[in-house]
Amino acid sequence: MSKPTFNVYITEETDFTSEVEKKTYWTKVGVAFRHKEKPGLNILLTPGIAVSGKLVLLEPKEEAVPTQAE
C-alpha cells in the first residue's frame, strides 16, 4: 500500500477556567489517500474508534504530531 496523502485527526478544545489558556488536543483516527484517476480522497478510519466532531486532514510529516492549534 502506498503512503497516505493525509493523516486524519479529530480535535478537542479544553474548556478550563478563563485563567488557563485553552488548548486543543489532536487525536489521530485514520489516514486518507488521493484517488488515482479522479479527484477525491478515500478516508480510512481506525477500526473501533467512535468519531464525532471536526475531522482535520494534515499532510504527513516525519513523526511530527500537532499538539496545539494556532
N, C-alpha and C. Protein backbone atom coordinates (compact mmCIF):
# COMPACT_ATOMS: atom_id res chain seq x y z
N MET A 1 0.85 -1.17 0.00
CA MET A 1 0.00 0.00 0.00
C MET A 1 0.90 1.24 0.00
N SER A 2 0.50 2.27 -0.70
CA SER A 2 1.28 3.50 -0.79
C SER A 2 1.16 4.32 0.50
N LYS A 3 2.02 5.32 0.61
CA LYS A 3 1.97 6.20 1.78
C LYS A 3 0.70 7.04 1.72
N PRO A 4 0.11 7.32 2.89
CA PRO A 4 -1.10 8.15 2.89
C PRO A 4 -0.80 9.58 2.46
N THR A 5 -1.79 10.20 1.82
CA THR A 5 -1.69 11.59 1.42
C THR A 5 -1.88 12.50 2.62
N PHE A 6 -2.78 12.11 3.52
CA PHE A 6 -3.07 12.89 4.73
C PHE A 6 -3.22 11.97 5.93
N ASN A 7 -2.93 12.49 7.11
CA ASN A 7 -3.34 11.86 8.36
C ASN A 7 -4.65 12.52 8.76
N VAL A 8 -5.53 11.75 9.40
CA VAL A 8 -6.83 12.27 9.81
C VAL A 8 -6.85 12.37 11.34
N TYR A 9 -7.22 13.54 11.83
CA TYR A 9 -7.27 13.80 13.27
C TYR A 9 -8.64 14.32 13.66
N ILE A 10 -9.03 14.09 14.91
CA ILE A 10 -10.13 14.83 15.50
C ILE A 10 -9.50 15.80 16.49
N THR A 11 -10.15 16.94 16.68
CA THR A 11 -9.62 17.92 17.62
C THR A 11 -10.63 18.18 18.72
N GLU A 12 -10.11 18.46 19.91
CA GLU A 12 -10.97 18.76 21.04
C GLU A 12 -10.33 19.88 21.85
N GLU A 13 -11.08 20.96 22.06
CA GLU A 13 -10.57 22.07 22.85
C GLU A 13 -10.91 21.88 24.31
N THR A 14 -9.96 22.22 25.18
CA THR A 14 -10.23 22.19 26.61
C THR A 14 -11.12 23.37 26.95
N ASP A 15 -11.84 23.25 28.02
CA ASP A 15 -12.72 24.34 28.43
C ASP A 15 -12.51 24.60 29.92
N PHE A 16 -11.28 24.98 30.26
CA PHE A 16 -10.95 25.28 31.65
C PHE A 16 -11.41 26.69 32.00
N THR A 17 -11.08 27.12 33.18
CA THR A 17 -11.43 28.46 33.61
C THR A 17 -10.74 29.49 32.74
N SER A 18 -11.17 30.72 32.81
CA SER A 18 -10.60 31.77 31.98
C SER A 18 -9.14 32.07 32.33
N GLU A 19 -8.69 31.62 33.49
CA GLU A 19 -7.30 31.84 33.90
C GLU A 19 -6.33 30.98 33.11
N VAL A 20 -6.81 29.87 32.59
CA VAL A 20 -5.96 28.94 31.85
C VAL A 20 -6.24 29.09 30.36
N GLU A 21 -5.18 29.18 29.58
CA GLU A 21 -5.33 29.28 28.13
C GLU A 21 -5.94 28.01 27.57
N LYS A 22 -6.87 28.15 26.64
CA LYS A 22 -7.48 26.98 26.01
C LYS A 22 -6.44 26.23 25.19
N LYS A 23 -6.51 24.92 25.22
CA LYS A 23 -5.61 24.08 24.43
C LYS A 23 -6.45 23.18 23.53
N THR A 24 -5.87 22.81 22.41
CA THR A 24 -6.52 21.88 21.50
C THR A 24 -5.74 20.58 21.50
N TYR A 25 -6.42 19.48 21.75
CA TYR A 25 -5.79 18.17 21.72
C TYR A 25 -6.13 17.50 20.40
N TRP A 26 -5.14 16.89 19.78
CA TRP A 26 -5.28 16.23 18.49
C TRP A 26 -5.15 14.73 18.69
N THR A 27 -6.10 13.96 18.14
CA THR A 27 -6.05 12.51 18.21
C THR A 27 -6.11 11.96 16.79
N LYS A 28 -5.09 11.21 16.41
CA LYS A 28 -5.07 10.62 15.06
C LYS A 28 -6.08 9.47 15.02
N VAL A 29 -6.98 9.51 14.02
CA VAL A 29 -8.03 8.50 13.91
C VAL A 29 -8.01 7.76 12.58
N GLY A 30 -7.06 8.09 11.70
CA GLY A 30 -7.00 7.40 10.42
C GLY A 30 -6.07 8.08 9.44
N VAL A 31 -6.22 7.67 8.17
CA VAL A 31 -5.41 8.22 7.08
C VAL A 31 -6.31 8.41 5.86
N ALA A 32 -5.82 9.22 4.91
CA ALA A 32 -6.56 9.46 3.67
C ALA A 32 -5.62 9.32 2.48
N PHE A 33 -6.13 8.78 1.40
CA PHE A 33 -5.37 8.58 0.17
C PHE A 33 -6.08 9.27 -0.99
N ARG A 34 -5.33 9.92 -1.86
CA ARG A 34 -5.92 10.51 -3.07
C ARG A 34 -6.35 9.40 -4.02
N HIS A 35 -7.43 9.65 -4.76
CA HIS A 35 -7.82 8.73 -5.83
C HIS A 35 -6.77 8.80 -6.93
N LYS A 36 -6.56 7.70 -7.61
CA LYS A 36 -5.52 7.66 -8.65
C LYS A 36 -5.97 8.35 -9.93
N GLU A 37 -7.24 8.20 -10.29
CA GLU A 37 -7.66 8.69 -11.60
C GLU A 37 -8.65 9.86 -11.56
N LYS A 38 -9.32 10.07 -10.44
CA LYS A 38 -10.32 11.14 -10.35
C LYS A 38 -10.05 11.96 -9.09
N PRO A 39 -10.57 13.20 -9.06
CA PRO A 39 -10.41 14.00 -7.84
C PRO A 39 -11.13 13.35 -6.66
N GLY A 40 -10.55 13.45 -5.50
CA GLY A 40 -11.20 12.93 -4.31
C GLY A 40 -10.24 12.17 -3.42
N LEU A 41 -10.76 11.72 -2.29
CA LEU A 41 -9.97 11.02 -1.29
C LEU A 41 -10.72 9.80 -0.79
N ASN A 42 -9.98 8.78 -0.39
CA ASN A 42 -10.51 7.67 0.38
C ASN A 42 -10.01 7.88 1.80
N ILE A 43 -10.91 7.88 2.77
CA ILE A 43 -10.53 8.06 4.16
C ILE A 43 -10.73 6.72 4.87
N LEU A 44 -9.67 6.27 5.51
CA LEU A 44 -9.70 5.02 6.27
C LEU A 44 -9.57 5.35 7.74
N LEU A 45 -10.64 5.08 8.51
CA LEU A 45 -10.62 5.34 9.94
C LEU A 45 -10.20 4.08 10.69
N THR A 46 -9.50 4.27 11.80
CA THR A 46 -9.05 3.15 12.62
C THR A 46 -10.28 2.38 13.12
N PRO A 47 -10.31 1.05 12.95
CA PRO A 47 -11.46 0.27 13.40
C PRO A 47 -11.70 0.41 14.91
N GLY A 48 -12.97 0.50 15.30
CA GLY A 48 -13.34 0.54 16.70
C GLY A 48 -13.31 1.91 17.33
N ILE A 49 -12.92 2.95 16.58
CA ILE A 49 -12.89 4.29 17.14
C ILE A 49 -14.21 4.99 16.82
N ALA A 50 -14.81 5.57 17.87
CA ALA A 50 -16.01 6.38 17.67
C ALA A 50 -15.55 7.79 17.33
N VAL A 51 -16.00 8.30 16.20
CA VAL A 51 -15.55 9.61 15.73
C VAL A 51 -16.74 10.53 15.64
N SER A 52 -16.59 11.71 16.25
CA SER A 52 -17.61 12.74 16.11
C SER A 52 -16.92 14.08 16.22
N GLY A 53 -17.56 15.10 15.72
CA GLY A 53 -16.97 16.43 15.76
C GLY A 53 -16.22 16.75 14.49
N LYS A 54 -15.19 17.56 14.62
CA LYS A 54 -14.44 18.07 13.47
C LYS A 54 -13.31 17.12 13.09
N LEU A 55 -13.24 16.76 11.80
CA LEU A 55 -12.11 15.99 11.27
C LEU A 55 -11.15 16.94 10.59
N VAL A 56 -9.86 16.75 10.81
CA VAL A 56 -8.83 17.59 10.23
C VAL A 56 -7.88 16.71 9.44
N LEU A 57 -7.60 17.08 8.18
CA LEU A 57 -6.66 16.35 7.34
C LEU A 57 -5.37 17.16 7.26
N LEU A 58 -4.25 16.54 7.61
CA LEU A 58 -2.94 17.19 7.54
C LEU A 58 -1.99 16.30 6.77
N GLU A 59 -1.15 16.92 5.93
CA GLU A 59 -0.14 16.15 5.22
C GLU A 59 0.82 15.54 6.22
N PRO A 60 1.18 14.25 6.04
CA PRO A 60 2.08 13.62 6.98
C PRO A 60 3.47 14.27 6.96
N LYS A 61 4.07 14.33 8.12
CA LYS A 61 5.45 14.78 8.26
C LYS A 61 6.19 13.70 9.03
N GLU A 62 7.46 13.72 8.96
CA GLU A 62 8.27 12.73 9.63
C GLU A 62 8.04 12.76 11.14
N GLU A 63 7.20 11.85 11.65
CA GLU A 63 6.94 11.68 13.07
C GLU A 63 6.49 12.95 13.79
N ALA A 64 6.01 13.94 13.07
CA ALA A 64 5.54 15.16 13.72
C ALA A 64 4.04 15.05 13.96
N VAL A 65 3.63 15.23 15.21
CA VAL A 65 2.22 15.19 15.58
C VAL A 65 1.87 16.54 16.18
N PRO A 66 0.84 17.21 15.65
CA PRO A 66 0.48 18.50 16.21
C PRO A 66 0.02 18.35 17.64
N THR A 67 0.39 19.30 18.49
CA THR A 67 0.00 19.23 19.90
C THR A 67 -0.96 20.34 20.28
N GLN A 68 -0.96 21.45 19.53
CA GLN A 68 -1.84 22.56 19.87
C GLN A 68 -2.16 23.36 18.63
N ALA A 69 -3.40 23.78 18.50
CA ALA A 69 -3.82 24.59 17.35
C ALA A 69 -3.30 26.00 17.50
N GLU A 70 -3.07 26.65 16.37
CA GLU A 70 -2.61 28.04 16.38
C GLU A 70 -3.77 28.95 16.71
